[in-house]
PDB file of N, CA and C in Angstrom:
ATOM      1  N   MET A   1      71.822  30.653  63.247  1.00  0.00           N
ATOM      2  CA  MET A   1      72.968  31.195  62.832  1.00  0.00           C
ATOM      3  C   MET A   1      74.162  30.303  62.757  1.00  0.00           C
ATOM      4  N   THR A   2      74.979  30.433  61.765  1.00  0.00           N
ATOM      5  CA  THR A   2      76.019  29.402  61.656  1.00  0.00           C
ATOM      6  C   THR A   2      77.509  30.244  61.729  1.00  0.00           C
ATOM      7  N   THR A   3      78.490  29.555  62.263  1.00  0.00           N
ATOM      8  CA  THR A   3      79.833  30.254  62.358  1.00  0.00           C
ATOM      9  C   THR A   3      80.504  29.700  61.203  1.00  0.00           C
ATOM     10  N   PHE A   4      81.132  30.670  60.468  1.00  0.00           N
ATOM     11  CA  PHE A   4      81.912  30.503  59.285  1.00  0.00           C
ATOM     12  C   PHE A   4      83.268  30.962  59.504  1.00  0.00           C
ATOM     13  N   VAL A   5      84.305  30.196  59.158  1.00  0.00           N
ATOM     14  CA  VAL A   5      85.584  30.663  59.009  1.00  0.00           C
ATOM     15  C   VAL A   5      85.893  31.116  57.613  1.00  0.00           C
ATOM     16  N   ILE A   6      86.267  32.279  57.361  1.00  0.00           N
ATOM     17  CA  ILE A   6      86.390  32.860  56.075  1.00  0.00           C
ATOM     18  C   ILE A   6      87.953  33.387  55.845  1.00  0.00           C
ATOM     19  N   THR A   7      88.355  32.947  54.795  1.00  0.00           N
ATOM     20  CA  THR A   7      89.651  33.356  54.307  1.00  0.00           C
ATOM     21  C   THR A   7      89.598  34.620  53.388  1.00  0.00           C
ATOM     22  N   VAL A   8      90.201  35.742  53.752  1.00  0.00           N
ATOM     23  CA  VAL A   8      90.072  37.010  52.790  1.00  0.00           C
ATOM     24  C   VAL A   8      91.621  37.219  52.458  1.00  0.00           C
ATOM     25  N   PRO A   9      91.980  37.032  51.029  1.00  0.00           N
ATOM     26  CA  PRO A   9      93.212  37.302  50.651  1.00  0.00           C
ATOM     27  C   PRO A   9      93.603  38.613  50.212  1.00  0.00           C
ATOM     28  N   GLY A  10      94.706  39.101  50.219  1.00  0.00           N
ATOM     29  CA  GLY A  10      95.018  40.434  49.699  1.00  0.00           C
ATOM     30  C   GLY A  10      96.438  40.615  49.368  1.00  0.00           C
ATOM     31  N   THR A  11      96.893  41.828  49.099  1.00  0.00           N
ATOM     32  CA  THR A  11      98.323  42.089  48.856  1.00  0.00           C
ATOM     33  C   THR A  11      98.674  43.488  49.389  1.00  0.00           C
ATOM     34  N   PHE A  12      99.774  43.411  50.224  1.00  0.00           N
ATOM     35  CA  PHE A  12     100.250  44.836  50.766  1.00  0.00           C
ATOM     36  C   PHE A  12     101.087  45.375  49.562  1.00  0.00           C
ATOM     37  N   VAL A  13     100.739  46.331  48.940  1.00  0.00           N
ATOM     38  CA  VAL A  13     101.405  46.827  47.708  1.00  0.00           C
ATOM     39  C   VAL A  13     102.839  47.354  48.150  1.00  0.00           C
ATOM     40  N   SER A  14     102.997  48.138  49.278  1.00  0.00           N
ATOM     41  CA  SER A  14     104.180  48.526  49.705  1.00  0.00           C
ATOM     42  C   SER A  14     104.674  48.049  50.969  1.00  0.00           C
ATOM     43  N   GLY A  15     104.289  46.636  51.222  1.00  0.00           N
ATOM     44  CA  GLY A  15     104.609  46.082  52.455  1.00  0.00           C
ATOM     45  C   GLY A  15     103.911  46.578  53.696  1.00  0.00           C
ATOM     46  N   ILE A  16     104.315  46.061  54.803  1.00  0.00           N
ATOM     47  CA  ILE A  16     103.449  46.252  56.079  1.00  0.00           C
ATOM     48  C   ILE A  16     104.647  46.453  57.130  1.00  0.00           C
ATOM     49  N   THR A  17     104.398  47.572  58.049  1.00  0.00           N
ATOM     50  CA  THR A  17     105.486  47.714  59.064  1.00  0.00           C
ATOM     51  C   THR A  17     105.045  46.853  60.227  1.00  0.00           C
ATOM     52  N   GLY A  18     105.839  46.562  61.168  1.00  0.00           N
ATOM     53  CA  GLY A  18     105.560  45.858  62.441  1.00  0.00           C
ATOM     54  C   GLY A  18     104.376  46.485  63.198  1.00  0.00           C
ATOM     55  N   SER A  19     104.302  47.863  63.213  1.00  0.00           N
ATOM     56  CA  SER A  19     103.328  48.456  64.081  1.00  0.00           C
ATOM     57  C   SER A  19     101.963  48.354  63.306  1.00  0.00           C
ATOM     58  N   GLU A  20     101.918  48.427  61.988  1.00  0.00           N
ATOM     59  CA  GLU A  20     100.666  48.245  61.292  1.00  0.00           C
ATOM     60  C   GLU A  20     100.163  46.832  61.437  1.00  0.00           C
ATOM     61  N   ARG A  21     101.121  45.816  61.410  1.00  0.00           N
ATOM     62  CA  ARG A  21     100.820  44.460  61.538  1.00  0.00           C
ATOM     63  C   ARG A  21     100.180  44.206  62.833  1.00  0.00           C
ATOM     64  N   SER A  22     100.777  44.711  63.952  1.00  0.00           N
ATOM     65  CA  SER A  22     100.422  44.497  65.379  1.00  0.00           C
ATOM     66  C   SER A  22      98.952  45.137  65.427  1.00  0.00           C
ATOM     67  N   ALA A  23      98.711  46.304  64.945  1.00  0.00           N
ATOM     68  CA  ALA A  23      97.558  47.070  64.977  1.00  0.00           C
ATOM     69  C   ALA A  23      96.350  46.344  64.230  1.00  0.00           C
ATOM     70  N   LEU A  24      96.724  45.705  63.024  1.00  0.00           N
ATOM     71  CA  LEU A  24      95.791  44.899  62.278  1.00  0.00           C
ATOM     72  C   LEU A  24      95.384  43.703  63.069  1.00  0.00           C
ATOM     73  N   GLU A  25      96.404  42.909  63.706  1.00  0.00           N
ATOM     74  CA  GLU A  25      95.981  41.843  64.362  1.00  0.00           C
ATOM     75  C   GLU A  25      95.276  42.054  65.666  1.00  0.00           C
ATOM     76  N   ARG A  26      95.492  43.243  66.338  1.00  0.00           N
ATOM     77  CA  ARG A  26      94.601  43.430  67.549  1.00  0.00           C
ATOM     78  C   ARG A  26      93.228  43.833  67.110  1.00  0.00           C
ATOM     79  N   GLY A  27      93.082  44.384  65.956  1.00  0.00           N
ATOM     80  CA  GLY A  27      91.802  44.801  65.343  1.00  0.00           C
ATOM     81  C   GLY A  27      90.961  43.470  64.995  1.00  0.00           C
ATOM     82  N   LEU A  28      91.561  42.532  64.471  1.00  0.00           N
ATOM     83  CA  LEU A  28      91.011  41.267  64.076  1.00  0.00           C
ATOM     84  C   LEU A  28      90.849  40.242  65.096  1.00  0.00           C
ATOM     85  N   ALA A  29      91.546  40.358  66.235  1.00  0.00           N
ATOM     86  CA  ALA A  29      91.611  39.316  67.268  1.00  0.00           C
ATOM     87  C   ALA A  29      90.317  38.863  67.802  1.00  0.00           C
ATOM     88  N   PRO A  30      89.259  39.735  68.018  1.00  0.00           N
ATOM     89  CA  PRO A  30      87.962  39.320  68.481  1.00  0.00           C
ATOM     90  C   PRO A  30      87.290  38.298  67.427  1.00  0.00           C
ATOM     91  N   ARG A  31      87.730  38.218  66.242  1.00  0.00           N
ATOM     92  CA  ARG A  31      87.129  37.370  65.272  1.00  0.00           C
ATOM     93  C   ARG A  31      87.901  36.005  65.220  1.00  0.00           C
ATOM     94  N   HIS A  32      88.927  35.910  65.956  1.00  0.00           N
ATOM     95  CA  HIS A  32      89.644  34.605  66.137  1.00  0.00           C
ATOM     96  C   HIS A  32      89.354  33.919  67.369  1.00  0.00           C
ATOM     97  N   THR A  33      88.314  33.097  67.236  1.00  0.00           N
ATOM     98  CA  THR A  33      87.803  32.521  68.435  1.00  0.00           C
ATOM     99  C   THR A  33      87.713  30.877  68.319  1.00  0.00           C
ATOM    100  N   ASP A  34      86.800  30.231  68.952  1.00  0.00           N
ATOM    101  CA  ASP A  34      86.834  28.768  69.101  1.00  0.00           C
ATOM    102  C   ASP A  34      87.086  28.024  67.950  1.00  0.00           C
ATOM    103  N   VAL A  35      86.343  28.110  66.833  1.00  0.00           N
ATOM    104  CA  VAL A  35      86.746  27.234  65.693  1.00  0.00           C
ATOM    105  C   VAL A  35      88.029  27.400  65.189  1.00  0.00           C
ATOM    106  N   SER A  36      88.452  28.543  64.930  1.00  0.00           N
ATOM    107  CA  SER A  36      89.731  28.822  64.319  1.00  0.00           C
ATOM    108  C   SER A  36      90.888  28.465  65.251  1.00  0.00           C
ATOM    109  N   GLU A  37      90.805  28.765  66.470  1.00  0.00           N
ATOM    110  CA  GLU A  37      91.855  28.529  67.463  1.00  0.00           C
ATOM    111  C   GLU A  37      92.006  27.036  67.724  1.00  0.00           C
ATOM    112  N   SER A  38      90.766  26.415  67.784  1.00  0.00           N
ATOM    113  CA  SER A  38      90.955  24.817  68.066  1.00  0.00           C
ATOM    114  C   SER A  38      91.502  24.239  66.832  1.00  0.00           C
ATOM    115  N   GLU A  39      91.463  24.685  65.786  1.00  0.00           N
ATOM    116  CA  GLU A  39      91.875  24.054  64.471  1.00  0.00           C
ATOM    117  C   GLU A  39      93.338  24.485  64.157  1.00  0.00           C
ATOM    118  N   GLY A  40      93.812  25.352  65.076  1.00  0.00           N
ATOM    119  CA  GLY A  40      95.309  26.033  64.905  1.00  0.00           C
ATOM    120  C   GLY A  40      95.383  26.917  63.615  1.00  0.00           C
ATOM    121  N   VAL A  41      94.289  27.622  63.317  1.00  0.00           N
ATOM    122  CA  VAL A  41      94.258  28.451  62.124  1.00  0.00           C
ATOM    123  C   VAL A  41      94.937  29.814  62.570  1.00  0.00           C
ATOM    124  N   ASN A  42      96.121  30.230  61.767  1.00  0.00           N
ATOM    125  CA  ASN A  42      96.631  31.530  62.038  1.00  0.00           C
ATOM    126  C   ASN A  42      95.721  32.741  61.520  1.00  0.00           C
ATOM    127  N   LEU A  43      95.517  33.689  62.393  1.00  0.00           N
ATOM    128  CA  LEU A  43      94.640  34.936  61.920  1.00  0.00           C
ATOM    129  C   LEU A  43      95.192  35.631  60.768  1.00  0.00           C
ATOM    130  N   LEU A  44      96.387  35.863  60.771  1.00  0.00           N
ATOM    131  CA  LEU A  44      97.081  36.615  59.625  1.00  0.00           C
ATOM    132  C   LEU A  44      98.284  35.981  59.244  1.00  0.00           C
ATOM    133  N   THR A  45      98.320  35.648  57.973  1.00  0.00           N
ATOM    134  CA  THR A  45      99.554  35.175  57.352  1.00  0.00           C
ATOM    135  C   THR A  45     100.073  36.137  56.243  1.00  0.00           C
ATOM    136  N   VAL A  46     101.402  36.545  56.325  1.00  0.00           N
ATOM    137  CA  VAL A  46     101.924  37.457  55.376  1.00  0.00           C
ATOM    138  C   VAL A  46     103.076  36.806  54.645  1.00  0.00           C
ATOM    139  N   ASN A  47     103.075  36.715  53.494  1.00  0.00           N
ATOM    140  CA  ASN A  47     104.182  36.146  52.571  1.00  0.00           C
ATOM    141  C   ASN A  47     105.093  37.064  52.231  1.00  0.00           C
ATOM    142  N   GLU A  48     106.312  36.546  51.807  1.00  0.00           N
ATOM    143  CA  GLU A  48     107.472  37.436  51.427  1.00  0.00           C
ATOM    144  C   GLU A  48     107.180  38.337  50.283  1.00  0.00           C
ATOM    145  N   ASP A  49     106.251  37.999  49.457  1.00  0.00           N
ATOM    146  CA  ASP A  49     105.879  38.789  48.347  1.00  0.00           C
ATOM    147  C   ASP A  49     104.943  39.794  48.533  1.00  0.00           C
ATOM    148  N   GLY A  50     104.477  39.984  49.741  1.00  0.00           N
ATOM    149  CA  GLY A  50     103.529  40.878  50.236  1.00  0.00           C
ATOM    150  C   GLY A  50     102.025  40.454  50.159  1.00  0.00           C
ATOM    151  N   THR A  51     101.786  39.314  49.696  1.00  0.00           N
ATOM    152  CA  THR A  51     100.505  38.704  49.702  1.00  0.00           C
ATOM    153  C   THR A  51     100.138  38.322  51.061  1.00  0.00           C
ATOM    154  N   PHE A  52      98.871  38.170  51.502  1.00  0.00           N
ATOM    155  CA  PHE A  52      98.418  37.880  52.911  1.00  0.00           C
ATOM    156  C   PHE A  52      97.094  37.267  52.745  1.00  0.00           C
ATOM    157  N   SER A  53      96.801  36.565  53.903  1.00  0.00           N
ATOM    158  CA  SER A  53      95.445  35.867  54.175  1.00  0.00           C
ATOM    159  C   SER A  53      95.071  36.082  55.510  1.00  0.00           C
ATOM    160  N   VAL A  54      93.829  36.671  55.639  1.00  0.00           N
ATOM    161  CA  VAL A  54      93.240  36.711  56.975  1.00  0.00           C
ATOM    162  C   VAL A  54      92.102  35.704  57.197  1.00  0.00           C
ATOM    163  N   ARG A  55      92.302  35.011  58.126  1.00  0.00           N
ATOM    164  CA  ARG A  55      91.245  34.087  58.512  1.00  0.00           C
ATOM    165  C   ARG A  55      90.493  34.465  59.668  1.00  0.00           C
ATOM    166  N   LEU A  56      89.152  34.670  59.677  1.00  0.00           N
ATOM    167  CA  LEU A  56      88.364  34.986  60.698  1.00  0.00           C
ATOM    168  C   LEU A  56      87.103  34.393  60.707  1.00  0.00           C
ATOM    169  N   GLU A  57      86.481  34.536  61.927  1.00  0.00           N
ATOM    170  CA  GLU A  57      85.130  33.757  62.198  1.00  0.00           C
ATOM    171  C   GLU A  57      83.970  34.945  62.129  1.00  0.00           C
ATOM    172  N   VAL A  58      82.809  34.594  61.449  1.00  0.00           N
ATOM    173  CA  VAL A  58      81.760  35.486  61.499  1.00  0.00           C
ATOM    174  C   VAL A  58      80.474  34.607  61.536  1.00  0.00           C
ATOM    175  N   GLU A  59      79.533  35.157  62.239  1.00  0.00           N
ATOM    176  CA  GLU A  59      78.330  34.531  62.431  1.00  0.00           C
ATOM    177  C   GLU A  59      77.365  35.019  61.422  1.00  0.00           C
ATOM    178  N   ALA A  60      76.606  34.088  60.672  1.00  0.00           N
ATOM    179  CA  ALA A  60      75.837  34.609  59.489  1.00  0.00           C
ATOM    180  C   ALA A  60      74.749  33.474  59.165  1.00  0.00           C
ATOM    181  N   THR A  61      73.774  33.871  58.259  1.00  0.00           N
ATOM    182  CA  THR A  61      72.711  32.984  58.000  1.00  0.00           C
ATOM    183  C   THR A  61      73.142  32.165  56.808  1.00  0.00           C
ATOM    184  N   ASP A  62      74.032  32.618  55.999  1.00  0.00           N
ATOM    185  CA  ASP A  62      74.478  31.972  54.853  1.00  0.00           C
ATOM    186  C   ASP A  62      75.857  32.341  54.431  1.00  0.00           C
ATOM    187  N   ARG A  63      76.445  31.826  53.517  1.00  0.00           N
ATOM    188  CA  ARG A  63      77.821  31.863  52.914  1.00  0.00           C
ATOM    189  C   ARG A  63      77.968  33.222  52.443  1.00  0.00           C
ATOM    190  N   TYR A  64      77.032  33.805  51.659  1.00  0.00           N
ATOM    191  CA  TYR A  64      77.096  35.054  51.050  1.00  0.00           C
ATOM    192  C   TYR A  64      77.213  36.129  52.174  1.00  0.00           C
ATOM    193  N   GLU A  65      76.388  36.061  53.086  1.00  0.00           N
ATOM    194  CA  GLU A  65      76.514  37.095  54.078  1.00  0.00           C
ATOM    195  C   GLU A  65      77.823  36.988  54.922  1.00  0.00           C
ATOM    196  N   ALA A  66      78.296  35.837  55.070  1.00  0.00           N
ATOM    197  CA  ALA A  66      79.492  35.622  55.903  1.00  0.00           C
ATOM    198  C   ALA A  66      80.630  36.312  55.169  1.00  0.00           C
ATOM    199  N   GLU A  67      80.678  35.907  53.859  1.00  0.00           N
ATOM    200  CA  GLU A  67      81.814  36.453  52.958  1.00  0.00           C
ATOM    201  C   GLU A  67      81.708  37.943  52.996  1.00  0.00           C
ATOM    202  N   LEU A  68      80.612  38.482  52.774  1.00  0.00           N
ATOM    203  CA  LEU A  68      80.511  39.932  52.801  1.00  0.00           C
ATOM    204  C   LEU A  68      80.820  40.657  54.042  1.00  0.00           C
ATOM    205  N   ASP A  69      80.356  39.989  55.228  1.00  0.00           N
ATOM    206  CA  ASP A  69      80.853  40.459  56.489  1.00  0.00           C
ATOM    207  C   ASP A  69      82.323  40.550  56.773  1.00  0.00           C
ATOM    208  N   ALA A  70      82.805  39.365  56.354  1.00  0.00           N
ATOM    209  CA  ALA A  70      84.199  39.233  56.531  1.00  0.00           C
ATOM    210  C   ALA A  70      85.084  40.192  55.806  1.00  0.00           C
ATOM    211  N   THR A  71      84.812  40.456  54.542  1.00  0.00           N
ATOM    212  CA  THR A  71      85.381  41.474  53.730  1.00  0.00           C
ATOM    213  C   THR A  71      85.309  42.875  54.396  1.00  0.00           C
ATOM    214  N   LYS A  72      84.131  43.229  54.854  1.00  0.00           N
ATOM    215  CA  LYS A  72      83.883  44.548  55.747  1.00  0.00           C
ATOM    216  C   LYS A  72      84.694  44.540  56.840  1.00  0.00           C
ATOM    217  N   LEU A  73      84.818  43.503  57.591  1.00  0.00           N
ATOM    218  CA  LEU A  73      85.584  43.560  58.865  1.00  0.00           C
ATOM    219  C   LEU A  73      87.022  43.665  58.681  1.00  0.00           C
ATOM    220  N   VAL A  74      87.706  42.995  57.466  1.00  0.00           N
ATOM    221  CA  VAL A  74      89.046  43.039  57.296  1.00  0.00           C
ATOM    222  C   VAL A  74      89.269  44.514  56.616  1.00  0.00           C
ATOM    223  N   SER A  75      88.421  45.020  55.886  1.00  0.00           N
ATOM    224  CA  SER A  75      88.644  46.479  55.355  1.00  0.00           C
ATOM    225  C   SER A  75      88.551  47.426  56.402  1.00  0.00           C
ATOM    226  N   ALA A  76      87.703  47.244  57.434  1.00  0.00           N
ATOM    227  CA  ALA A  76      87.666  48.271  58.446  1.00  0.00           C
ATOM    228  C   ALA A  76      88.964  48.050  59.376  1.00  0.00           C
ATOM    229  N   ALA A  77      89.420  46.765  59.574  1.00  0.00           N
ATOM    230  CA  ALA A  77      90.587  46.622  60.494  1.00  0.00           C
ATOM    231  C   ALA A  77      91.950  47.272  59.672  1.00  0.00           C
ATOM    232  N   LEU A  78      91.971  47.177  58.412  1.00  0.00           N
ATOM    233  CA  LEU A  78      92.962  47.680  57.611  1.00  0.00           C
ATOM    234  C   LEU A  78      93.084  49.175  57.857  1.00  0.00           C
ATOM    235  N   ARG A  79      91.910  49.888  57.790  1.00  0.00           N
ATOM    236  CA  ARG A  79      91.757  51.291  57.840  1.00  0.00           C
ATOM    237  C   ARG A  79      92.143  51.775  59.319  1.00  0.00           C
ATOM    238  N   ALA A  80      91.768  50.963  60.364  1.00  0.00           N
ATOM    239  CA  ALA A  80      92.065  51.174  61.618  1.00  0.00           C
ATOM    240  C   ALA A  80      93.537  51.077  62.069  1.00  0.00           C
ATOM    241  N   ALA A  81      94.103  50.236  61.220  1.00  0.00           N
ATOM    242  CA  ALA A  81      95.584  50.091  61.390  1.00  0.00           C
ATOM    243  C   ALA A  81      96.422  51.135  60.514  1.00  0.00           C
ATOM    244  N   GLY A  82      95.731  51.974  59.828  1.00  0.00           N
ATOM    245  CA  GLY A  82      96.407  53.103  59.121  1.00  0.00           C
ATOM    246  C   GLY A  82      96.860  52.555  57.614  1.00  0.00           C
ATOM    247  N   ILE A  83      96.191  51.593  57.249  1.00  0.00           N
ATOM    248  CA  ILE A  83      96.572  51.055  55.859  1.00  0.00           C
ATOM    249  C   ILE A  83      95.369  51.433  54.916  1.00  0.00           C
ATOM    250  N   ALA A  84      95.751  52.155  53.919  1.00  0.00           N
ATOM    251  CA  ALA A  84      94.711  52.463  52.889  1.00  0.00           C
ATOM    252  C   ALA A  84      94.301  51.376  52.028  1.00  0.00           C
ATOM    253  N   GLU A  85      93.081  51.605  51.592  1.00  0.00           N
ATOM    254  CA  GLU A  85      92.427  50.443  50.667  1.00  0.00           C
ATOM    255  C   GLU A  85      93.325  50.159  49.566  1.00  0.00           C
ATOM    256  N   SER A  86      93.905  51.182  48.885  1.00  0.00           N
ATOM    257  CA  SER A  86      94.624  51.118  47.823  1.00  0.00           C
ATOM    258  C   SER A  86      96.063  50.450  48.043  1.00  0.00           C
ATOM    259  N   GLY A  87      96.370  50.615  49.468  1.00  0.00           N
ATOM    260  CA  GLY A  87      97.772  49.847  49.929  1.00  0.00           C
ATOM    261  C   GLY A  87      97.561  48.458  50.222  1.00  0.00           C
ATOM    262  N   ALA A  88      96.390  47.986  50.168  1.00  0.00           N
ATOM    263  CA  ALA A  88      96.209  46.545  50.493  1.00  0.00           C
ATOM    264  C   ALA A  88      94.827  45.986  49.835  1.00  0.00           C
ATOM    265  N   PRO A  89      94.863  45.864  48.313  1.00  0.00           N
ATOM    266  CA  PRO A  89      93.605  45.452  47.843  1.00  0.00           C
ATOM    267  C   PRO A  89      93.385  43.962  48.265  1.00  0.00           C
ATOM    268  N   LEU A  90      92.133  43.685  48.375  1.00  0.00           N
ATOM    269  CA  LEU A  90      91.569  42.522  48.852  1.00  0.00           C
ATOM    270  C   LEU A  90      91.139  41.544  47.636  1.00  0.00           C
ATOM    271  N   GLY A  91      91.253  40.259  47.728  1.00  0.00           N
ATOM    272  CA  GLY A  91      90.745  39.441  46.815  1.00  0.00           C
ATOM    273  C   GLY A  91      89.377  38.894  47.274  1.00  0.00           C
ATOM    274  N   PRO A  92      88.936  37.770  46.458  1.00  0.00           N
ATOM    275  CA  PRO A  92      87.609  37.310  46.741  1.00  0.00           C
ATOM    276  C   PRO A  92      87.657  36.386  48.068  1.00  0.00           C
ATOM    277  N   PRO A  93      86.766  36.506  49.073  1.00  0.00           N
ATOM    278  CA  PRO A  93      86.742  35.815  50.165  1.00  0.00           C
ATOM    279  C   PRO A  93      86.302  34.309  49.970  1.00  0.00           C
ATOM    280  N   ALA A  94      86.732  33.473  50.830  1.00  0.00           N
ATOM    281  CA  ALA A  94      86.275  32.121  50.686  1.00  0.00           C
ATOM    282  C   ALA A  94      85.961  31.428  51.978  1.00  0.00           C
ATOM    283  N   VAL A  95      85.027  30.483  52.071  1.00  0.00           N
ATOM    284  CA  VAL A  95      84.679  29.829  53.271  1.00  0.00           C
ATOM    285  C   VAL A  95      85.654  28.665  53.357  1.00  0.00           C
ATOM    286  N   THR A  96      86.285  28.790  54.493  1.00  0.00           N
ATOM    287  CA  THR A  96      87.341  27.664  54.881  1.00  0.00           C
ATOM    288  C   THR A  96      86.924  26.820  55.966  1.00  0.00           C
ATOM    289  N   GLY A  97      85.781  27.056  56.568  1.00  0.00           N
ATOM    290  CA  GLY A  97      85.329  26.201  57.762  1.00  0.00           C
ATOM    291  C   GLY A  97      83.936  26.651  58.095  1.00  0.00           C
ATOM    292  N   ILE A  98      83.052  25.609  58.619  1.00  0.00           N
ATOM    293  CA  ILE A  98      81.803  25.836  58.987  1.00  0.00           C
ATOM    294  C   ILE A  98      81.447  25.172  60.233  1.00  0.00           C
ATOM    295  N   ASP A  99      80.874  25.845  61.331  1.00  0.00           N
ATOM    296  CA  ASP A  99      80.399  25.153  62.446  1.00  0.00           C
ATOM    297  C   ASP A  99      79.055  25.514  62.763  1.00  0.00           C
ATOM    298  N   ASN A 100      78.090  24.511  62.470  1.00  0.00           N
ATOM    299  CA  ASN A 100      76.574  24.688  62.679  1.00  0.00           C
ATOM    300  C   ASN A 100      76.142  23.837  63.745  1.00  0.00           C
ATOM    301  N   ASP A 101      75.481  24.485  64.675  1.00  0.00           N
ATOM    302  CA  ASP A 101      75.006  23.714  65.704  1.00  0.00           C
ATOM    303  C   ASP A 101      73.665  23.065  65.659  1.00  0.00           C
ATOM    304  N   LEU A 102      73.087  23.008  64.390  1.00  0.00           N
ATOM    305  CA  LEU A 102      71.803  22.416  64.127  1.00  0.00           C
ATOM    306  C   LEU A 102      71.977  20.850  64.157  1.00  0.00           C
TER     307      LEU A 102
END
């Protein structure tokens, strides 16, 4: 297995409240571990125009699986934070880091 750092972009259509942001960060925190923390990567970046990027780590056998898993994790965290899918559409994920112990 390989550890991938995946960036998932999106847009908060109507903005995000402080409590929603805190809930989202708490939901994603377990996916912000060794590789991303050692590189100083922010878990969640929200821009003034409502666009955002989530950077998280996933263990996967390949890039495709990693990107798919990351998108599912972000979608689930958004729902758990009370943010509807239509309120924060996601863009295509991208691999932004790889840590392979081979």
